[in-house]
Amino acid sequence: MADNASPSRTQIPADSHATLDSFEKLFGFVPNIFAVMAQSPHALAAFKSLQIPLERTLDAAMRDRIALAVSEMNSCDYMVRAHTYIGAQFSKLDVTELEMNRYGRSSDPKIDVALQFAKKVAETRGKVKGSDLQEVRDAGWTDAQVIEIIARVSQFLYANFVGNVFDIEIDFPALEAIADEA
């Protein structure tokens, strides 16, 4: 197990501070995963630069759903907890849906197919079957959207690897606390 202490602001290069400020504005605090990533301004910028363009395509709820499916598969407790919270608070997903999303499922048939596909992409390292691709197309997802799903899988694999390698201390509330607020 790695050391899960997040670096303090004074330990983080100045080139990362503006990006951390934007995360603090969004969340009201700097999530530990971003503080850890911020030790490399380039790696933090790469994460954020992938995130911003993809926010214009797949909606925020879909992003959270993919994050949950990929993070559960990778046993990344930090990202599961973070996107459960983010999905509930910002995307307004209910607790039952969030729990289903963790296992690559959804109550919405179109989203269900996309989440199963995202999970397969992560599990197989992209070596999905032609029938898997056809299934997601048949559910109504365009090839452009499929590529965006793959990009999100890649983004969350990166976050999962950082979370697992550094065993980042979880700073988001548990599902039970989210359910109690709802």
N, C-alpha and C. Protein backbone atom coordinates (compact mmCIF):
# COMPACT_ATOMS: atom_id res chain seq x y z
N MET A 1 0.85 -1.18 0.00
CA MET A 1 0.00 0.00 0.00
C MET A 1 0.89 1.24 0.00
N ALA A 2 0.53 2.18 -0.81
CA ALA A 2 1.30 3.42 -0.93
C ALA A 2 0.91 4.41 0.16
N ASP A 3 1.70 5.46 0.28
CA ASP A 3 1.42 6.55 1.22
C ASP A 3 0.26 7.37 0.67
N ASN A 4 -0.81 7.51 1.43
CA ASN A 4 -1.99 8.19 0.89
C ASN A 4 -2.12 9.65 1.30
N ALA A 5 -1.07 10.22 1.86
CA ALA A 5 -1.11 11.64 2.23
C ALA A 5 -1.01 12.50 0.98
N SER A 6 -1.93 13.42 0.83
CA SER A 6 -1.90 14.33 -0.32
C SER A 6 -0.93 15.46 -0.04
N PRO A 7 -0.26 15.95 -1.06
CA PRO A 7 0.69 17.05 -0.85
C PRO A 7 -0.03 18.33 -0.46
N SER A 8 0.65 19.15 0.31
CA SER A 8 0.09 20.46 0.66
C SER A 8 0.30 21.40 -0.52
N ARG A 9 -0.37 22.51 -0.47
CA ARG A 9 -0.26 23.50 -1.55
C ARG A 9 1.19 23.95 -1.75
N THR A 10 1.94 24.06 -0.67
CA THR A 10 3.33 24.51 -0.79
C THR A 10 4.22 23.45 -1.43
N GLN A 11 3.77 22.20 -1.44
CA GLN A 11 4.54 21.12 -2.07
C GLN A 11 4.20 20.93 -3.54
N ILE A 12 3.22 21.67 -4.01
CA ILE A 12 2.74 21.53 -5.38
C ILE A 12 3.35 22.64 -6.23
N PRO A 13 3.87 22.31 -7.42
CA PRO A 13 4.45 23.34 -8.28
C PRO A 13 3.44 24.46 -8.59
N ALA A 14 3.95 25.67 -8.65
CA ALA A 14 3.11 26.85 -8.91
C ALA A 14 2.33 26.73 -10.21
N ASP A 15 2.88 26.02 -11.19
CA ASP A 15 2.19 25.86 -12.48
C ASP A 15 0.87 25.10 -12.35
N SER A 16 0.66 24.40 -11.25
CA SER A 16 -0.59 23.66 -11.03
C SER A 16 -1.64 24.46 -10.26
N HIS A 17 -1.25 25.57 -9.64
CA HIS A 17 -2.15 26.29 -8.74
C HIS A 17 -3.42 26.80 -9.42
N ALA A 18 -3.34 27.34 -10.61
CA ALA A 18 -4.53 27.86 -11.29
C ALA A 18 -5.53 26.75 -11.56
N THR A 19 -5.04 25.58 -11.96
CA THR A 19 -5.94 24.45 -12.21
C THR A 19 -6.58 24.00 -10.91
N LEU A 20 -5.80 23.93 -9.85
CA LEU A 20 -6.36 23.55 -8.55
C LEU A 20 -7.39 24.56 -8.08
N ASP A 21 -7.16 25.84 -8.34
CA ASP A 21 -8.13 26.87 -7.98
C ASP A 21 -9.46 26.64 -8.68
N SER A 22 -9.42 26.19 -9.95
CA SER A 22 -10.66 25.93 -10.68
C SER A 22 -11.42 24.74 -10.07
N PHE A 23 -10.68 23.73 -9.62
CA PHE A 23 -11.33 22.59 -8.96
C PHE A 23 -11.90 23.01 -7.61
N GLU A 24 -11.18 23.87 -6.90
CA GLU A 24 -11.68 24.35 -5.62
C GLU A 24 -12.95 25.17 -5.79
N LYS A 25 -13.01 25.95 -6.84
CA LYS A 25 -14.21 26.74 -7.13
C LYS A 25 -15.40 25.82 -7.43
N LEU A 26 -15.16 24.75 -8.15
CA LEU A 26 -16.22 23.81 -8.51
C LEU A 26 -16.72 23.01 -7.31
N PHE A 27 -15.79 22.46 -6.52
CA PHE A 27 -16.16 21.55 -5.44
C PHE A 27 -16.24 22.20 -4.06
N GLY A 28 -15.65 23.37 -3.91
CA GLY A 28 -15.58 23.99 -2.59
C GLY A 28 -14.34 23.53 -1.82
N PHE A 29 -13.55 22.66 -2.41
CA PHE A 29 -12.28 22.18 -1.84
C PHE A 29 -11.49 21.57 -3.00
N VAL A 30 -10.23 21.31 -2.78
CA VAL A 30 -9.41 20.65 -3.80
C VAL A 30 -9.44 19.16 -3.50
N PRO A 31 -10.11 18.37 -4.34
CA PRO A 31 -10.12 16.92 -4.12
C PRO A 31 -8.68 16.37 -4.10
N ASN A 32 -8.46 15.43 -3.22
CA ASN A 32 -7.12 14.88 -3.03
C ASN A 32 -6.51 14.33 -4.32
N ILE A 33 -7.32 13.75 -5.17
CA ILE A 33 -6.76 13.19 -6.40
C ILE A 33 -6.11 14.28 -7.27
N PHE A 34 -6.72 15.46 -7.28
CA PHE A 34 -6.14 16.54 -8.08
C PHE A 34 -4.89 17.11 -7.41
N ALA A 35 -4.85 17.11 -6.10
CA ALA A 35 -3.64 17.55 -5.40
C ALA A 35 -2.48 16.60 -5.72
N VAL A 36 -2.77 15.30 -5.76
CA VAL A 36 -1.73 14.33 -6.11
C VAL A 36 -1.30 14.51 -7.55
N MET A 37 -2.26 14.61 -8.48
CA MET A 37 -1.93 14.82 -9.90
C MET A 37 -1.14 16.12 -10.09
N ALA A 38 -1.43 17.12 -9.28
CA ALA A 38 -0.83 18.45 -9.43
C ALA A 38 0.67 18.46 -9.20
N GLN A 39 1.21 17.40 -8.64
CA GLN A 39 2.66 17.31 -8.49
C GLN A 39 3.35 17.33 -9.85
N SER A 40 2.60 16.94 -10.88
CA SER A 40 3.08 17.08 -12.26
C SER A 40 2.12 18.02 -12.97
N PRO A 41 2.47 19.28 -13.13
CA PRO A 41 1.57 20.22 -13.82
C PRO A 41 1.14 19.73 -15.20
N HIS A 42 2.03 19.02 -15.88
CA HIS A 42 1.70 18.53 -17.23
C HIS A 42 0.67 17.41 -17.18
N ALA A 43 0.80 16.51 -16.21
CA ALA A 43 -0.16 15.41 -16.08
C ALA A 43 -1.53 15.95 -15.66
N LEU A 44 -1.55 16.92 -14.75
CA LEU A 44 -2.81 17.53 -14.35
C LEU A 44 -3.46 18.26 -15.52
N ALA A 45 -2.66 19.00 -16.27
CA ALA A 45 -3.19 19.72 -17.43
C ALA A 45 -3.71 18.74 -18.48
N ALA A 46 -3.04 17.61 -18.66
CA ALA A 46 -3.50 16.61 -19.62
C ALA A 46 -4.86 16.04 -19.21
N PHE A 47 -5.02 15.76 -17.93
CA PHE A 47 -6.29 15.25 -17.43
C PHE A 47 -7.40 16.27 -17.70
N LYS A 48 -7.14 17.51 -17.32
CA LYS A 48 -8.16 18.55 -17.49
C LYS A 48 -8.40 18.85 -18.96
N SER A 49 -7.36 18.82 -19.79
CA SER A 49 -7.56 19.13 -21.21
C SER A 49 -8.34 18.04 -21.92
N LEU A 50 -8.32 16.83 -21.43
CA LEU A 50 -9.17 15.78 -21.99
C LEU A 50 -10.61 15.96 -21.50
N GLN A 51 -10.76 16.37 -20.26
CA GLN A 51 -12.08 16.51 -19.65
C GLN A 51 -12.90 17.63 -20.30
N ILE A 52 -12.31 18.76 -20.52
CA ILE A 52 -13.06 19.93 -20.98
C ILE A 52 -13.73 19.72 -22.34
N PRO A 53 -13.02 19.26 -23.39
CA PRO A 53 -13.71 19.07 -24.68
C PRO A 53 -14.81 18.00 -24.61
N LEU A 54 -14.60 16.98 -23.80
CA LEU A 54 -15.60 15.91 -23.71
C LEU A 54 -16.83 16.34 -22.93
N GLU A 55 -16.75 17.43 -22.20
CA GLU A 55 -17.93 17.94 -21.50
C GLU A 55 -18.95 18.53 -22.48
N ARG A 56 -18.53 18.78 -23.69
CA ARG A 56 -19.42 19.36 -24.71
C ARG A 56 -20.16 18.29 -25.50
N THR A 57 -19.85 17.04 -25.25
CA THR A 57 -20.45 15.97 -26.03
C THR A 57 -21.33 15.10 -25.14
N LEU A 58 -20.76 14.09 -24.53
CA LEU A 58 -21.54 13.27 -23.61
C LEU A 58 -21.88 14.11 -22.37
N ASP A 59 -23.10 13.99 -21.88
CA ASP A 59 -23.49 14.84 -20.74
C ASP A 59 -22.80 14.41 -19.45
N ALA A 60 -22.90 15.25 -18.44
CA ALA A 60 -22.21 15.02 -17.17
C ALA A 60 -22.65 13.72 -16.52
N ALA A 61 -23.92 13.39 -16.61
CA ALA A 61 -24.40 12.15 -16.00
C ALA A 61 -23.74 10.94 -16.66
N MET A 62 -23.58 11.00 -17.97
CA MET A 62 -22.93 9.89 -18.67
C MET A 62 -21.47 9.78 -18.25
N ARG A 63 -20.81 10.90 -18.08
CA ARG A 63 -19.42 10.90 -17.61
C ARG A 63 -19.33 10.21 -16.25
N ASP A 64 -20.23 10.57 -15.34
CA ASP A 64 -20.21 9.96 -14.01
C ASP A 64 -20.51 8.48 -14.07
N ARG A 65 -21.42 8.10 -14.93
CA ARG A 65 -21.77 6.69 -15.07
C ARG A 65 -20.57 5.88 -15.57
N ILE A 66 -19.89 6.40 -16.60
CA ILE A 66 -18.71 5.71 -17.12
C ILE A 66 -17.63 5.64 -16.05
N ALA A 67 -17.43 6.74 -15.34
CA ALA A 67 -16.43 6.76 -14.26
C ALA A 67 -16.73 5.68 -13.23
N LEU A 68 -17.97 5.53 -12.86
CA LEU A 68 -18.34 4.53 -11.86
C LEU A 68 -18.10 3.11 -12.37
N ALA A 69 -18.51 2.82 -13.60
CA ALA A 69 -18.33 1.47 -14.16
C ALA A 69 -16.85 1.11 -14.26
N VAL A 70 -16.05 2.03 -14.77
CA VAL A 70 -14.61 1.78 -14.94
C VAL A 70 -13.92 1.70 -13.58
N SER A 71 -14.27 2.60 -12.68
CA SER A 71 -13.61 2.64 -11.37
C SER A 71 -13.94 1.43 -10.52
N GLU A 72 -15.17 0.96 -10.59
CA GLU A 72 -15.54 -0.26 -9.85
C GLU A 72 -14.75 -1.44 -10.39
N MET A 73 -14.66 -1.53 -11.71
CA MET A 73 -13.93 -2.63 -12.33
C MET A 73 -12.46 -2.61 -11.91
N ASN A 74 -11.90 -1.42 -11.70
CA ASN A 74 -10.50 -1.28 -11.31
C ASN A 74 -10.31 -1.24 -9.79
N SER A 75 -11.38 -1.43 -9.04
CA SER A 75 -11.31 -1.38 -7.58
C SER A 75 -10.69 -0.08 -7.08
N CYS A 76 -11.03 1.02 -7.72
CA CYS A 76 -10.53 2.32 -7.30
C CYS A 76 -11.57 2.97 -6.38
N ASP A 77 -11.42 2.73 -5.09
CA ASP A 77 -12.38 3.22 -4.11
C ASP A 77 -12.51 4.74 -4.14
N TYR A 78 -11.38 5.41 -4.37
CA TYR A 78 -11.43 6.88 -4.40
C TYR A 78 -12.37 7.36 -5.50
N MET A 79 -12.19 6.89 -6.72
CA MET A 79 -12.99 7.38 -7.84
C MET A 79 -14.44 6.90 -7.75
N VAL A 80 -14.67 5.71 -7.21
CA VAL A 80 -16.06 5.26 -7.01
C VAL A 80 -16.76 6.22 -6.07
N ARG A 81 -16.12 6.55 -4.97
CA ARG A 81 -16.74 7.46 -3.99
C ARG A 81 -16.90 8.85 -4.59
N ALA A 82 -15.89 9.33 -5.30
CA ALA A 82 -15.95 10.68 -5.88
C ALA A 82 -17.09 10.78 -6.88
N HIS A 83 -17.20 9.82 -7.78
CA HIS A 83 -18.23 9.95 -8.82
C HIS A 83 -19.61 9.53 -8.34
N THR A 84 -19.70 8.82 -7.24
CA THR A 84 -21.00 8.61 -6.62
C THR A 84 -21.50 9.95 -6.09
N TYR A 85 -20.61 10.67 -5.40
CA TYR A 85 -20.96 11.99 -4.88
C TYR A 85 -21.26 12.97 -6.02
N ILE A 86 -20.37 13.05 -6.98
CA ILE A 86 -20.54 13.98 -8.10
C ILE A 86 -21.81 13.64 -8.88
N GLY A 87 -22.04 12.37 -9.12
CA GLY A 87 -23.24 11.95 -9.84
C GLY A 87 -24.52 12.32 -9.11
N ALA A 88 -24.51 12.20 -7.78
CA ALA A 88 -25.69 12.56 -6.99
C ALA A 88 -25.87 14.07 -6.90
N GLN A 89 -24.79 14.78 -6.61
CA GLN A 89 -24.88 16.22 -6.36
C GLN A 89 -25.02 17.06 -7.62
N PHE A 90 -24.25 16.75 -8.64
CA PHE A 90 -24.21 17.59 -9.83
C PHE A 90 -25.07 17.05 -10.97
N SER A 91 -25.08 15.72 -11.14
CA SER A 91 -25.86 15.12 -12.24
C SER A 91 -27.26 14.71 -11.79
N LYS A 92 -27.50 14.78 -10.50
CA LYS A 92 -28.81 14.48 -9.91
C LYS A 92 -29.27 13.04 -10.20
N LEU A 93 -28.31 12.10 -10.23
CA LEU A 93 -28.64 10.69 -10.39
C LEU A 93 -29.08 10.14 -9.04
N ASP A 94 -30.09 9.27 -9.04
CA ASP A 94 -30.54 8.73 -7.76
C ASP A 94 -29.62 7.59 -7.32
N VAL A 95 -29.70 7.26 -6.05
CA VAL A 95 -28.80 6.30 -5.43
C VAL A 95 -28.91 4.92 -6.09
N THR A 96 -30.10 4.50 -6.44
CA THR A 96 -30.28 3.21 -7.10
C THR A 96 -29.58 3.18 -8.44
N GLU A 97 -29.72 4.23 -9.21
CA GLU A 97 -29.06 4.31 -10.52
C GLU A 97 -27.54 4.33 -10.35
N LEU A 98 -27.05 5.09 -9.39
CA LEU A 98 -25.61 5.15 -9.15
C LEU A 98 -25.06 3.78 -8.80
N GLU A 99 -25.78 3.04 -7.99
CA GLU A 99 -25.33 1.70 -7.61
C GLU A 99 -25.31 0.78 -8.83
N MET A 100 -26.31 0.87 -9.68
CA MET A 100 -26.33 0.08 -10.92
C MET A 100 -25.15 0.47 -11.82
N ASN A 101 -24.90 1.77 -11.93
CA ASN A 101 -23.83 2.27 -12.79
C ASN A 101 -22.47 1.71 -12.38
N ARG A 102 -22.27 1.50 -11.10
CA ARG A 102 -20.99 0.94 -10.62
C ARG A 102 -20.70 -0.40 -11.29
N TYR A 103 -21.72 -1.14 -11.62
CA TYR A 103 -21.55 -2.47 -12.20
C TYR A 103 -21.82 -2.49 -13.70
N GLY A 104 -21.75 -1.28 -14.31
CA GLY A 104 -21.91 -1.18 -15.75
C GLY A 104 -23.32 -1.39 -16.22
N ARG A 105 -24.28 -1.02 -15.39
CA ARG A 105 -25.69 -1.20 -15.72
C ARG A 105 -26.44 0.11 -15.53
N SER A 106 -27.63 0.19 -16.14
CA SER A 106 -28.50 1.35 -15.98
C SER A 106 -29.94 0.92 -16.18
N SER A 107 -30.86 1.67 -15.60
CA SER A 107 -32.29 1.41 -15.81
C SER A 107 -32.73 1.90 -17.19
N ASP A 108 -31.94 2.75 -17.82
CA ASP A 108 -32.22 3.24 -19.17
C ASP A 108 -31.55 2.29 -20.16
N PRO A 109 -32.32 1.64 -21.05
CA PRO A 109 -31.74 0.63 -21.95
C PRO A 109 -30.59 1.14 -22.83
N LYS A 110 -30.69 2.35 -23.35
CA LYS A 110 -29.63 2.88 -24.21
C LYS A 110 -28.35 3.11 -23.40
N ILE A 111 -28.50 3.67 -22.21
CA ILE A 111 -27.34 3.92 -21.34
C ILE A 111 -26.76 2.60 -20.86
N ASP A 112 -27.62 1.63 -20.58
CA ASP A 112 -27.18 0.31 -20.13
C ASP A 112 -26.20 -0.30 -21.14
N VAL A 113 -26.56 -0.25 -22.42
CA VAL A 113 -25.69 -0.80 -23.46
C VAL A 113 -24.36 -0.06 -23.50
N ALA A 114 -24.40 1.27 -23.40
CA ALA A 114 -23.17 2.06 -23.43
C ALA A 114 -22.27 1.76 -22.23
N LEU A 115 -22.86 1.58 -21.06
CA LEU A 115 -22.05 1.28 -19.88
C LEU A 115 -21.45 -0.12 -19.96
N GLN A 116 -22.21 -1.08 -20.47
CA GLN A 116 -21.66 -2.41 -20.65
C GLN A 116 -20.49 -2.36 -21.64
N PHE A 117 -20.65 -1.56 -22.68
CA PHE A 117 -19.59 -1.38 -23.67
C PHE A 117 -18.35 -0.74 -23.03
N ALA A 118 -18.54 0.33 -22.26
CA ALA A 118 -17.42 1.01 -21.60
C ALA A 118 -16.67 0.03 -20.69
N LYS A 119 -17.41 -0.75 -19.96
CA LYS A 119 -16.80 -1.74 -19.07
C LYS A 119 -16.00 -2.77 -19.86
N LYS A 120 -16.56 -3.23 -20.98
CA LYS A 120 -15.85 -4.20 -21.82
C LYS A 120 -14.58 -3.59 -22.41
N VAL A 121 -14.65 -2.33 -22.82
CA VAL A 121 -13.46 -1.66 -23.35
C VAL A 121 -12.35 -1.68 -22.30
N ALA A 122 -12.70 -1.35 -21.06
CA ALA A 122 -11.70 -1.34 -19.98
C ALA A 122 -11.20 -2.75 -19.68
N GLU A 123 -12.12 -3.70 -19.57
CA GLU A 123 -11.74 -5.08 -19.22
C GLU A 123 -10.87 -5.73 -20.28
N THR A 124 -11.17 -5.46 -21.55
CA THR A 124 -10.46 -6.13 -22.64
C THR A 124 -9.33 -5.30 -23.22
N ARG A 125 -9.08 -4.14 -22.60
CA ARG A 125 -8.06 -3.21 -23.09
C ARG A 125 -8.35 -2.81 -24.54
N GLY A 126 -9.64 -2.65 -24.83
CA GLY A 126 -10.07 -2.19 -26.14
C GLY A 126 -10.30 -3.30 -27.15
N LYS A 127 -10.02 -4.52 -26.80
CA LYS A 127 -10.17 -5.63 -27.75
C LYS A 127 -11.58 -6.22 -27.64
N VAL A 128 -12.56 -5.36 -27.88
CA VAL A 128 -13.96 -5.81 -27.86
C VAL A 128 -14.26 -6.57 -29.14
N LYS A 129 -15.34 -7.30 -29.14
CA LYS A 129 -15.79 -8.04 -30.33
C LYS A 129 -16.54 -7.09 -31.25
N GLY A 130 -16.58 -7.45 -32.51
CA GLY A 130 -17.38 -6.68 -33.47
C GLY A 130 -18.83 -6.62 -33.04
N SER A 131 -19.31 -7.69 -32.43
CA SER A 131 -20.71 -7.71 -31.97
C SER A 131 -20.94 -6.71 -30.83
N ASP A 132 -19.92 -6.46 -30.02
CA ASP A 132 -20.03 -5.46 -28.95
C ASP A 132 -20.20 -4.07 -29.54
N LEU A 133 -19.38 -3.76 -30.54
CA LEU A 133 -19.48 -2.47 -31.22
C LEU A 133 -20.83 -2.34 -31.91
N GLN A 134 -21.27 -3.41 -32.57
CA GLN A 134 -22.56 -3.34 -33.27
C GLN A 134 -23.71 -3.15 -32.29
N GLU A 135 -23.62 -3.79 -31.13
CA GLU A 135 -24.67 -3.66 -30.12
C GLU A 135 -24.81 -2.21 -29.65
N VAL A 136 -23.70 -1.53 -29.41
CA VAL A 136 -23.77 -0.14 -28.95
C VAL A 136 -24.28 0.75 -30.09
N ARG A 137 -23.90 0.46 -31.31
CA ARG A 137 -24.45 1.20 -32.46
C ARG A 137 -25.95 0.97 -32.58
N ASP A 138 -26.38 -0.28 -32.46
CA ASP A 138 -27.80 -0.61 -32.57
C ASP A 138 -28.64 0.06 -31.48
N ALA A 139 -28.01 0.37 -30.34
CA ALA A 139 -28.71 1.04 -29.24
C ALA A 139 -28.89 2.53 -29.52
N GLY A 140 -28.28 3.03 -30.61
CA GLY A 140 -28.47 4.43 -30.97
C GLY A 140 -27.27 5.32 -30.75
N TRP A 141 -26.12 4.76 -30.41
CA TRP A 141 -24.91 5.54 -30.20
C TRP A 141 -24.17 5.66 -31.53
N THR A 142 -23.76 6.86 -31.87
CA THR A 142 -23.02 7.09 -33.11
C THR A 142 -21.55 6.67 -32.90
N ASP A 143 -20.83 6.50 -33.99
CA ASP A 143 -19.41 6.17 -33.87
C ASP A 143 -18.66 7.29 -33.15
N ALA A 144 -19.04 8.54 -33.39
CA ALA A 144 -18.40 9.66 -32.68
C ALA A 144 -18.63 9.51 -31.17
N GLN A 145 -19.84 9.15 -30.76
CA GLN A 145 -20.11 8.97 -29.34
C GLN A 145 -19.37 7.76 -28.77
N VAL A 146 -19.24 6.70 -29.58
CA VAL A 146 -18.48 5.52 -29.14
C VAL A 146 -17.03 5.92 -28.87
N ILE A 147 -16.47 6.73 -29.76
CA ILE A 147 -15.09 7.19 -29.57
C ILE A 147 -15.00 8.04 -28.30
N GLU A 148 -16.00 8.85 -28.03
CA GLU A 148 -16.02 9.67 -26.81
C GLU A 148 -16.15 8.79 -25.56
N ILE A 149 -16.92 7.72 -25.65
CA ILE A 149 -17.01 6.77 -24.53
C ILE A 149 -15.62 6.18 -24.28
N ILE A 150 -14.92 5.79 -25.34
CA ILE A 150 -13.58 5.23 -25.20
C ILE A 150 -12.63 6.26 -24.59
N ALA A 151 -12.75 7.51 -25.01
CA ALA A 151 -11.90 8.57 -24.44
C ALA A 151 -12.16 8.71 -22.95
N ARG A 152 -13.43 8.65 -22.54
CA ARG A 152 -13.75 8.73 -21.11
C ARG A 152 -13.20 7.53 -20.36
N VAL A 153 -13.31 6.35 -20.96
CA VAL A 153 -12.73 5.16 -20.31
C VAL A 153 -11.25 5.40 -20.07
N SER A 154 -10.56 5.91 -21.08
CA SER A 154 -9.12 6.18 -20.96
C SER A 154 -8.83 7.18 -19.85
N GLN A 155 -9.63 8.24 -19.81
CA GLN A 155 -9.44 9.26 -18.79
C GLN A 155 -9.60 8.66 -17.39
N PHE A 156 -10.61 7.83 -17.22
CA PHE A 156 -10.86 7.29 -15.89
C PHE A 156 -9.90 6.16 -15.53
N LEU A 157 -9.38 5.45 -16.53
CA LEU A 157 -8.32 4.49 -16.25
C LEU A 157 -7.12 5.22 -15.65
N TYR A 158 -6.77 6.35 -16.26
CA TYR A 158 -5.66 7.16 -15.75
C TYR A 158 -5.93 7.59 -14.30
N ALA A 159 -7.11 8.12 -14.04
CA ALA A 159 -7.44 8.56 -12.68
C ALA A 159 -7.44 7.37 -11.71
N ASN A 160 -7.94 6.23 -12.16
CA ASN A 160 -7.94 5.03 -11.31
C ASN A 160 -6.53 4.59 -10.98
N PHE A 161 -5.65 4.63 -11.97
CA PHE A 161 -4.27 4.22 -11.73
C PHE A 161 -3.60 5.15 -10.71
N VAL A 162 -3.81 6.45 -10.86
CA VAL A 162 -3.25 7.40 -9.89
C VAL A 162 -3.86 7.13 -8.51
N GLY A 163 -5.17 6.97 -8.45
CA GLY A 163 -5.83 6.72 -7.17
C GLY A 163 -5.34 5.46 -6.50
N ASN A 164 -5.18 4.39 -7.29
CA ASN A 164 -4.73 3.12 -6.70
C ASN A 164 -3.24 3.12 -6.35
N VAL A 165 -2.41 3.66 -7.22
CA VAL A 165 -0.97 3.68 -6.95
C VAL A 165 -0.67 4.48 -5.68
N PHE A 166 -1.30 5.65 -5.55
CA PHE A 166 -1.02 6.51 -4.40
C PHE A 166 -1.96 6.25 -3.23
N ASP A 167 -2.90 5.31 -3.38
CA ASP A 167 -3.84 4.98 -2.30
C ASP A 167 -4.38 6.26 -1.66
N ILE A 168 -4.96 7.10 -2.52
CA ILE A 168 -5.36 8.44 -2.11
C ILE A 168 -6.47 8.40 -1.06
N GLU A 169 -6.30 9.20 -0.04
CA GLU A 169 -7.29 9.30 1.02
C GLU A 169 -8.59 9.85 0.44
N ILE A 170 -9.69 9.18 0.73
CA ILE A 170 -11.00 9.56 0.20
C ILE A 170 -11.51 10.78 0.96
N ASP A 171 -11.88 11.80 0.19
CA ASP A 171 -12.37 13.04 0.79
C ASP A 171 -13.77 13.41 0.31
N PHE A 172 -14.51 12.42 -0.18
CA PHE A 172 -15.90 12.60 -0.59
C PHE A 172 -16.78 11.77 0.35
N PRO A 173 -18.03 12.22 0.60
CA PRO A 173 -18.91 11.48 1.51
C PRO A 173 -19.32 10.11 0.96
N ALA A 174 -19.66 9.21 1.87
CA ALA A 174 -20.09 7.86 1.51
C ALA A 174 -21.50 7.88 0.92
N LEU A 175 -21.83 6.83 0.22
CA LEU A 175 -23.14 6.69 -0.42
C LEU A 175 -24.27 6.85 0.60
N GLU A 176 -24.08 6.31 1.79
CA GLU A 176 -25.11 6.40 2.82
C GLU A 176 -25.40 7.86 3.18
N ALA A 177 -24.37 8.67 3.26
CA ALA A 177 -24.54 10.09 3.58
C ALA A 177 -25.26 10.80 2.43
N ILE A 178 -24.97 10.40 1.22
CA ILE A 178 -25.63 10.99 0.06
C ILE A 178 -27.11 10.60 0.07
N ALA A 179 -27.39 9.32 0.37
CA ALA A 179 -28.77 8.85 0.41
C ALA A 179 -29.56 9.56 1.50
N ASP A 180 -28.93 9.81 2.65
CA ASP A 180 -29.60 10.49 3.75
C ASP A 180 -29.95 11.93 3.38
N GLU A 181 -29.10 12.58 2.56
CA GLU A 181 -29.37 13.95 2.12
C GLU A 181 -30.53 14.01 1.12
N ALA A 182 -30.69 12.93 0.36
CA ALA A 182 -31.70 12.93 -0.73
C ALA A 182 -33.12 12.89 -0.22
